[in-house]
N, C-alpha and C. Protein backbone atom coordinates (compact mmCIF):
# COMPACT_ATOMS: atom_id res chain seq x y z
N MET A 1 0.92 -1.20 0.01
CA MET A 1 -0.16 -0.26 -0.04
C MET A 1 0.79 1.21 -0.01
N PRO A 2 0.32 1.98 -0.67
CA PRO A 2 -0.36 2.40 -1.45
C PRO A 2 0.19 1.62 -3.05
N THR A 3 -1.03 1.95 -3.63
CA THR A 3 -1.08 1.12 -4.86
C THR A 3 -1.86 2.31 -6.16
N TYR A 4 -1.00 2.20 -6.62
CA TYR A 4 -1.39 3.70 -7.84
C TYR A 4 -1.43 2.71 -9.63
N THR A 5 -2.67 2.80 -9.64
CA THR A 5 -3.09 2.14 -10.88
C THR A 5 -3.31 3.31 -12.20
N CYS A 6 -2.43 2.90 -13.17
CA CYS A 6 -2.70 4.10 -13.81
C CYS A 6 -2.83 3.53 -15.68
N TRP A 7 -4.16 3.92 -16.28
CA TRP A 7 -4.62 3.54 -17.48
C TRP A 7 -4.34 4.55 -17.86
N SER A 8 -4.20 3.88 -19.39
CA SER A 8 -4.01 4.85 -20.90
C SER A 8 -4.71 3.86 -21.97
N GLU A 9 -4.88 4.08 -22.87
CA GLU A 9 -4.74 3.85 -23.67
C GLU A 9 -3.86 3.14 -24.44
N SER A 10 -3.89 1.95 -25.32
CA SER A 10 -2.54 1.05 -25.28
C SER A 10 -1.41 1.83 -26.54
N GLY A 11 -0.58 1.78 -26.12
CA GLY A 11 0.57 2.63 -26.92
C GLY A 11 0.65 4.07 -26.57
N LEU A 12 0.65 4.83 -25.53
CA LEU A 12 0.37 5.79 -25.10
C LEU A 12 1.84 5.97 -24.19
N VAL A 13 2.11 5.38 -23.12
CA VAL A 13 3.14 5.20 -22.25
C VAL A 13 4.10 4.32 -22.84
N GLY A 14 4.94 4.71 -23.32
CA GLY A 14 6.37 3.21 -23.12
C GLY A 14 7.15 2.69 -22.34
N PRO A 15 7.69 1.83 -22.37
CA PRO A 15 8.36 1.62 -21.48
C PRO A 15 9.53 1.92 -20.23
N GLU A 16 10.10 3.15 -20.92
CA GLU A 16 10.70 4.08 -20.47
C GLU A 16 10.04 4.89 -19.16
N GLN A 17 8.97 6.04 -20.03
CA GLN A 17 7.81 5.97 -19.34
C GLN A 17 7.43 5.62 -18.22
N LYS A 18 7.27 4.40 -18.38
CA LYS A 18 6.68 3.54 -17.30
C LYS A 18 7.51 3.64 -15.93
N GLN A 19 8.60 3.74 -16.07
CA GLN A 19 9.51 3.25 -15.13
C GLN A 19 9.75 4.85 -14.67
N ALA A 20 9.89 5.71 -15.41
CA ALA A 20 9.95 7.15 -15.03
C ALA A 20 8.54 7.81 -14.12
N VAL A 21 7.42 7.06 -14.20
CA VAL A 21 5.92 7.45 -13.56
C VAL A 21 6.40 6.49 -12.13
N ALA A 22 6.40 5.26 -12.61
CA ALA A 22 6.95 4.60 -10.99
C ALA A 22 7.48 5.23 -9.97
N THR A 23 8.56 5.81 -10.63
CA THR A 23 9.97 6.09 -9.76
C THR A 23 9.25 7.56 -9.38
N ALA A 24 8.86 8.27 -10.30
CA ALA A 24 7.94 9.35 -10.22
C ALA A 24 6.77 9.50 -8.35
N LEU A 25 6.33 8.78 -8.94
CA LEU A 25 5.31 7.78 -7.74
C LEU A 25 5.51 8.05 -6.79
N THR A 26 6.56 6.96 -6.45
CA THR A 26 6.96 6.37 -5.49
C THR A 26 8.23 7.27 -4.31
N GLU A 27 8.32 8.21 -4.91
CA GLU A 27 8.88 9.59 -4.31
C GLU A 27 7.70 10.54 -3.88
N ILE A 28 6.91 10.68 -4.97
CA ILE A 28 6.18 11.79 -4.04
C ILE A 28 5.37 11.09 -3.09
N HIS A 29 4.95 9.92 -2.94
CA HIS A 29 4.41 9.19 -2.37
C HIS A 29 5.26 9.30 -0.67
N HIS A 30 6.64 9.10 -0.87
CA HIS A 30 7.50 8.88 0.21
C HIS A 30 7.80 10.06 0.69
N GLU A 31 7.80 11.13 -0.11
CA GLU A 31 7.85 12.17 0.40
C GLU A 31 7.04 12.89 0.95
N VAL A 32 5.79 13.19 0.19
CA VAL A 32 4.36 13.61 0.53
C VAL A 32 3.98 12.82 1.87
N ALA A 33 3.29 11.88 1.90
CA ALA A 33 2.96 10.80 3.01
C ALA A 33 3.41 10.13 4.01
N VAL A 34 4.84 10.69 3.68
CA VAL A 34 6.02 9.72 4.72
C VAL A 34 5.81 8.84 4.67
N ALA A 35 5.88 8.08 3.91
CA ALA A 35 5.60 6.25 3.93
C ALA A 35 6.81 5.75 3.35
N PRO A 36 7.16 4.48 3.51
CA PRO A 36 8.35 3.96 3.30
C PRO A 36 8.30 3.59 1.69
N ARG A 37 9.05 4.03 0.83
CA ARG A 37 9.16 3.45 -0.18
C ARG A 37 8.80 1.92 -0.66
N TYR A 38 9.28 1.19 0.27
CA TYR A 38 8.50 -0.45 -0.21
C TYR A 38 7.44 -0.42 -0.13
N PHE A 39 6.82 0.13 0.41
CA PHE A 39 5.07 0.49 0.33
C PHE A 39 4.36 0.41 -1.10
N VAL A 40 5.14 1.00 -2.11
CA VAL A 40 4.80 1.97 -2.99
C VAL A 40 4.41 0.95 -4.06
N GLN A 41 2.86 0.88 -4.70
CA GLN A 41 3.39 -0.11 -6.17
C GLN A 41 3.01 0.90 -6.85
N VAL A 42 2.94 0.44 -8.32
CA VAL A 42 2.41 1.02 -9.61
C VAL A 42 2.43 0.59 -10.18
N LEU A 43 1.25 -0.06 -10.53
CA LEU A 43 0.44 -1.11 -11.76
C LEU A 43 0.10 0.01 -13.05
N PHE A 44 0.53 -0.74 -14.06
CA PHE A 44 0.11 0.08 -15.64
C PHE A 44 -1.24 -0.46 -16.15
N THR A 45 -2.17 -0.28 -16.97
CA THR A 45 -3.01 -1.08 -17.40
C THR A 45 -3.56 -0.21 -19.29
N GLU A 46 -2.83 -0.87 -20.11
CA GLU A 46 -3.50 -0.29 -21.43
C GLU A 46 -5.08 -0.53 -21.68
N LEU A 47 -5.59 0.07 -22.27
CA LEU A 47 -6.84 0.02 -22.26
C LEU A 47 -7.12 0.05 -23.78
N VAL A 48 -7.81 -1.21 -24.69
CA VAL A 48 -8.01 -1.19 -25.77
C VAL A 48 -8.64 0.58 -26.41
N PRO A 49 -8.06 0.88 -27.80
CA PRO A 49 -8.88 1.86 -28.29
C PRO A 49 -10.22 1.85 -28.45
N GLY A 50 -11.05 2.96 -27.82
CA GLY A 50 -12.84 2.62 -27.92
C GLY A 50 -13.37 2.32 -26.96
N SER A 51 -12.50 2.24 -25.48
CA SER A 51 -13.10 1.29 -24.60
C SER A 51 -12.77 2.39 -23.19
N VAL A 52 -13.25 3.40 -23.79
CA VAL A 52 -12.95 4.56 -22.59
C VAL A 52 -14.10 5.80 -23.21
N PHE A 53 -14.87 5.93 -22.78
CA PHE A 53 -15.76 7.23 -23.08
C PHE A 53 -16.01 8.24 -21.86
N LEU A 54 -16.36 9.74 -22.20
CA LEU A 54 -16.40 10.72 -21.28
C LEU A 54 -18.07 11.55 -22.16
N ALA A 55 -19.23 11.39 -21.15
CA ALA A 55 -20.01 12.01 -21.60
C ALA A 55 -20.83 11.15 -22.49
N GLY A 56 -20.46 9.86 -22.79
CA GLY A 56 -20.97 8.97 -23.88
C GLY A 56 -20.16 8.84 -25.10
N GLN A 57 -19.01 9.86 -25.20
CA GLN A 57 -18.44 9.74 -26.52
C GLN A 57 -17.00 9.22 -26.19
N PRO A 58 -16.33 8.47 -26.99
CA PRO A 58 -15.17 7.83 -26.77
C PRO A 58 -13.73 8.99 -26.32
N ALA A 59 -13.08 8.65 -25.21
CA ALA A 59 -12.30 9.31 -24.60
C ALA A 59 -11.20 9.71 -26.03
N THR A 60 -10.52 11.04 -25.46
CA THR A 60 -9.65 11.72 -26.50
C THR A 60 -8.43 10.43 -26.11
N ARG A 61 -7.62 10.09 -27.19
CA ARG A 61 -6.64 10.17 -27.28
C ARG A 61 -5.06 10.84 -25.93
N GLY A 62 -4.17 10.30 -25.21
CA GLY A 62 -3.50 11.04 -24.51
C GLY A 62 -4.25 11.99 -23.22
N HIS A 63 -5.12 10.60 -22.47
CA HIS A 63 -5.67 10.80 -21.59
C HIS A 63 -4.99 9.75 -20.73
N VAL A 64 -4.95 10.51 -19.88
CA VAL A 64 -4.13 9.25 -18.41
C VAL A 64 -4.74 9.28 -17.02
N TRP A 65 -5.73 8.09 -16.78
CA TRP A 65 -6.20 8.34 -14.99
C TRP A 65 -5.18 7.46 -14.31
N ILE A 66 -5.22 8.19 -13.12
CA ILE A 66 -4.38 6.76 -11.84
C ILE A 66 -5.26 7.44 -10.61
N ARG A 67 -5.04 6.01 -10.16
CA ARG A 67 -6.24 5.69 -8.79
C ARG A 67 -5.06 5.48 -7.76
N ALA A 68 -5.02 6.33 -6.98
CA ALA A 68 -4.20 6.05 -5.64
C ALA A 68 -5.09 5.35 -4.39
N ASP A 69 -5.09 4.79 -4.10
CA ASP A 69 -5.15 3.47 -3.12
C ASP A 69 -4.29 3.76 -2.16
N ILE A 70 -5.05 4.75 -1.09
CA ILE A 70 -3.85 5.25 -0.17
C ILE A 70 -4.40 4.38 1.43
N ARG A 71 -3.96 4.56 2.23
CA ARG A 71 -4.00 4.41 3.62
C ARG A 71 -4.80 5.69 4.19
N ALA A 72 -5.83 5.44 4.92
CA ALA A 72 -6.77 6.53 5.99
C ALA A 72 -5.74 6.85 6.64
N GLY A 73 -5.77 8.22 6.58
CA GLY A 73 -5.25 9.19 8.05
C GLY A 73 -4.53 10.30 7.39
N ARG A 74 -4.05 10.31 6.05
CA ARG A 74 -3.49 11.43 5.36
C ARG A 74 -4.26 12.77 5.63
N THR A 75 -3.96 14.13 5.82
CA THR A 75 -4.70 15.35 5.81
C THR A 75 -4.71 15.77 4.83
N VAL A 76 -5.86 16.56 4.67
CA VAL A 76 -5.83 17.27 3.49
C VAL A 76 -5.29 17.76 2.41
N GLU A 77 -4.53 18.46 3.21
CA GLU A 77 -2.98 19.32 2.58
C GLU A 77 -2.19 18.13 2.13
N GLN A 78 -2.14 16.91 2.44
CA GLN A 78 -0.85 16.08 1.90
C GLN A 78 -1.64 14.85 0.18
N LYS A 79 -2.97 15.35 0.81
CA LYS A 79 -3.76 14.48 0.04
C LYS A 79 -3.95 15.78 -1.73
N ARG A 80 -4.08 17.07 -1.26
CA ARG A 80 -3.76 17.73 -2.13
C ARG A 80 -2.56 17.55 -2.46
N ALA A 81 -1.59 17.92 -2.27
CA ALA A 81 -0.06 17.82 -2.69
C ALA A 81 0.03 16.72 -3.18
N LEU A 82 -0.44 15.63 -2.89
CA LEU A 82 -0.48 14.31 -3.64
C LEU A 82 -0.74 14.41 -5.45
N LEU A 83 -2.33 14.97 -5.19
CA LEU A 83 -2.72 15.52 -6.51
C LEU A 83 -2.09 16.00 -7.14
N GLU A 84 -1.86 17.36 -6.58
CA GLU A 84 -1.37 18.21 -7.32
C GLU A 84 0.25 17.54 -7.83
N ARG A 85 1.05 17.28 -7.86
CA ARG A 85 2.54 17.13 -7.90
C ARG A 85 2.07 15.61 -9.04
N ILE A 86 1.61 15.04 -8.68
CA ILE A 86 0.99 13.75 -9.54
C ILE A 86 0.52 14.24 -10.75
N THR A 87 -0.16 14.94 -10.83
CA THR A 87 -1.01 15.60 -12.24
C THR A 87 0.46 16.78 -13.06
N VAL A 88 1.08 16.92 -11.98
CA VAL A 88 1.84 17.94 -13.18
C VAL A 88 2.89 16.95 -13.36
N GLU A 89 3.46 16.40 -12.99
CA GLU A 89 4.88 15.43 -12.58
C GLU A 89 4.72 14.05 -13.89
N VAL A 90 3.38 13.86 -13.72
CA VAL A 90 3.38 12.90 -14.30
C VAL A 90 3.24 13.22 -15.71
N GLY A 91 2.26 14.23 -16.15
CA GLY A 91 2.06 15.16 -17.55
C GLY A 91 2.97 14.97 -17.89
N ALA A 92 4.54 15.81 -16.88
CA ALA A 92 6.00 16.28 -17.83
C ALA A 92 6.23 15.32 -18.07
N ILE A 93 6.10 13.49 -17.67
CA ILE A 93 6.93 12.30 -17.78
C ILE A 93 6.47 12.14 -19.13
N LEU A 94 5.13 12.18 -19.39
CA LEU A 94 4.24 11.49 -20.18
C LEU A 94 4.13 13.24 -21.76
N GLY A 95 4.52 13.84 -21.60
CA GLY A 95 4.44 15.53 -22.63
C GLY A 95 2.72 15.50 -23.17
N LEU A 96 1.92 15.03 -21.63
CA LEU A 96 0.80 15.87 -21.86
C LEU A 96 0.33 17.13 -20.71
N PRO A 97 -0.59 17.87 -21.12
CA PRO A 97 -0.92 19.29 -20.24
C PRO A 97 -1.44 18.07 -19.21
N PRO A 98 -1.52 18.99 -17.30
CA PRO A 98 -2.53 18.73 -16.32
C PRO A 98 -3.85 18.07 -16.95
N GLU A 99 -4.30 19.15 -17.78
CA GLU A 99 -5.93 18.87 -17.45
C GLU A 99 -5.72 17.36 -18.75
N GLU A 100 -4.86 16.66 -18.96
CA GLU A 100 -5.32 15.24 -19.42
C GLU A 100 -4.79 14.18 -18.62
N VAL A 101 -4.50 14.58 -17.01
CA VAL A 101 -3.38 13.51 -16.05
C VAL A 101 -4.74 13.95 -14.98
N TRP A 102 -6.03 12.43 -15.12
CA TRP A 102 -6.68 12.43 -14.06
C TRP A 102 -6.41 11.97 -12.65
N VAL A 103 -6.69 12.43 -11.86
CA VAL A 103 -5.97 11.34 -10.37
C VAL A 103 -6.83 11.26 -9.39
N TYR A 104 -7.19 10.33 -8.90
CA TYR A 104 -8.52 9.97 -7.85
C TYR A 104 -7.82 9.49 -6.45
N VAL A 105 -7.95 10.06 -5.63
CA VAL A 105 -7.19 9.49 -4.29
C VAL A 105 -8.27 9.36 -3.55
N CYS A 106 -8.18 7.58 -3.22
CA CYS A 106 -9.27 7.02 -2.30
C CYS A 106 -8.44 6.48 -0.90
N ASP A 107 -9.29 6.15 0.09
CA ASP A 107 -8.74 6.31 1.26
C ASP A 107 -9.48 4.64 1.76
N ILE A 108 -8.28 3.67 2.53
CA ILE A 108 -8.50 2.02 2.58
C ILE A 108 -7.76 2.58 4.04
N PRO A 109 -8.81 2.19 5.41
CA PRO A 109 -7.79 1.90 6.15
C PRO A 109 -6.83 0.73 6.37
N GLY A 110 -5.88 1.17 7.01
CA GLY A 110 -4.89 -0.10 7.20
C GLY A 110 -5.30 -1.50 7.33
N SER A 111 -6.16 -1.38 8.94
CA SER A 111 -6.91 -2.72 8.87
C SER A 111 -7.80 -3.19 8.00
N SER A 112 -7.85 -2.89 7.01
CA SER A 112 -8.49 -3.17 5.90
C SER A 112 -7.26 -3.53 4.75
N ILE A 113 -6.58 -3.91 5.25
CA ILE A 113 -5.06 -4.60 3.39
C ILE A 113 -4.04 -5.15 4.45
N ALA A 114 -4.19 -6.17 3.79
CA ALA A 114 -2.94 -7.08 3.97
C ALA A 114 -2.29 -6.54 2.94
N GLU A 115 -0.64 -6.86 3.26
CA GLU A 115 0.37 -7.13 2.19
C GLU A 115 1.50 -7.89 3.09
N HIS A 116 1.89 -9.01 2.77
CA HIS A 116 3.46 -9.88 2.99
C HIS A 116 2.71 -10.24 3.84
N GLY A 117 1.45 -11.13 4.06
CA GLY A 117 1.26 -11.70 4.96
C GLY A 117 0.80 -10.84 6.46
N ARG A 118 0.24 -9.91 6.27
CA ARG A 118 0.13 -8.88 7.48
C ARG A 118 -0.75 -8.06 7.49
N VAL A 119 -1.43 -7.71 8.69
CA VAL A 119 -2.27 -6.43 8.42
C VAL A 119 -1.37 -5.06 8.85
N LEU A 120 -1.59 -4.27 7.56
CA LEU A 120 -1.08 -3.17 7.39
C LEU A 120 -1.33 -2.14 8.77
N PRO A 121 -0.09 -1.33 9.28
CA PRO A 121 -0.12 0.07 10.10
C PRO A 121 -1.15 0.72 9.19
N GLU A 122 -1.71 1.38 10.82
CA GLU A 122 -2.06 2.98 10.38
C GLU A 122 -1.09 3.96 9.92
N PRO A 123 -1.11 4.91 8.81
CA PRO A 123 0.47 5.90 9.58
C PRO A 123 0.36 6.47 10.30
N GLY A 124 2.20 6.06 10.55
CA GLY A 124 2.85 6.44 11.47
C GLY A 124 3.62 5.61 12.35
N GLY A 125 2.62 3.89 12.40
CA GLY A 125 3.17 2.65 13.04
C GLY A 125 3.92 2.11 11.89
N GLU A 126 4.64 2.69 10.59
CA GLU A 126 5.04 1.68 9.84
C GLU A 126 6.92 1.09 10.75
N ASP A 127 7.36 1.42 11.33
CA ASP A 127 8.24 1.09 12.09
C ASP A 127 8.19 0.30 13.18
N ALA A 128 7.10 -0.06 14.14
CA ALA A 128 6.51 -1.07 15.33
C ALA A 128 6.34 -2.28 13.63
N TRP A 129 5.25 -2.15 12.89
CA TRP A 129 4.81 -2.76 11.97
C TRP A 129 6.22 -3.50 11.21
N PHE A 130 6.99 -2.87 10.68
CA PHE A 130 8.29 -3.49 9.95
C PHE A 130 9.54 -4.47 11.09
N ASP A 131 8.95 -3.91 12.39
CA ASP A 131 10.44 -4.48 13.40
C ASP A 131 9.81 -6.21 13.44
N ALA A 132 7.95 -6.49 13.62
CA ALA A 132 7.48 -7.27 13.79
C ALA A 132 7.73 -8.10 12.84
N LEU A 133 8.19 -8.05 11.49
CA LEU A 133 8.78 -9.14 10.43
C LEU A 133 9.42 -10.29 10.93
N PRO A 134 9.18 -11.20 9.61
CA PRO A 134 10.50 -12.13 10.33
C PRO A 134 11.65 -11.55 9.47
N PRO A 135 12.84 -11.78 9.74
CA PRO A 135 14.00 -11.13 9.72
C PRO A 135 14.20 -10.92 7.84
N ASP A 136 13.90 -12.22 7.07
CA ASP A 136 14.08 -12.39 5.81
C ASP A 136 13.53 -11.28 4.78
N LEU A 137 12.65 -11.04 5.71
CA LEU A 137 11.41 -10.19 4.62
C LEU A 137 11.91 -8.61 5.30
N GLN A 138 12.11 -8.76 6.53
CA GLN A 138 12.83 -7.12 6.90
C GLN A 138 13.95 -6.64 6.06
N GLU A 139 14.62 -7.90 5.63
CA GLU A 139 15.80 -7.68 4.77
C GLU A 139 16.02 -7.41 3.24
N ARG A 140 14.93 -8.20 2.96
CA ARG A 140 14.06 -7.86 1.52
C ARG A 140 13.70 -6.49 1.23
N LEU A 141 12.91 -6.24 2.02
CA LEU A 141 12.25 -4.60 2.18
C LEU A 141 13.50 -3.70 2.51
N ALA A 142 13.96 -3.97 3.62
CA ALA A 142 15.38 -3.17 3.32
C ALA A 142 15.94 -2.55 2.24
N ALA A 143 16.21 -3.22 1.74
CA ALA A 143 16.93 -3.34 0.12
C ALA A 143 16.27 -2.79 -0.76
N LEU A 144 14.74 -2.34 -0.52
CA LEU A 144 13.95 -1.58 -1.93
C LEU A 144 13.71 0.07 -0.64
N ARG A 145 14.48 0.40 0.36
CA ARG A 145 14.39 1.37 0.66
C ARG A 145 14.41 2.74 -0.05
């Protein structure tokens, strides 16, 4: 957690851009939400042309949607910073105006999420959660910091 899911029309986002977007989303979340990098997951889904509609009409090419499922407990200011930075930075990476990058932040309580075989902590409880993990898993995750 968090999980950032990025949807775009097939062929719009190349492999190098995916890597750059994943890196940007990881850093943005780490800096704004003050969460470990190893929590951040980024998924890319390519949509078949003609499968997305706005107001009943096919959506224009060059449009990206990002859903950010994050742990509840972030402030309004943190969420606004996530929205603003993602819109601008992802748009710059993809060569799109901010108007074409739509972002949705969705809160999920940590108690409703399990990763690595463990229920996640609420924001601020990451260190205690990490310390309770098996040593081999701690080592793997520490390498991702």
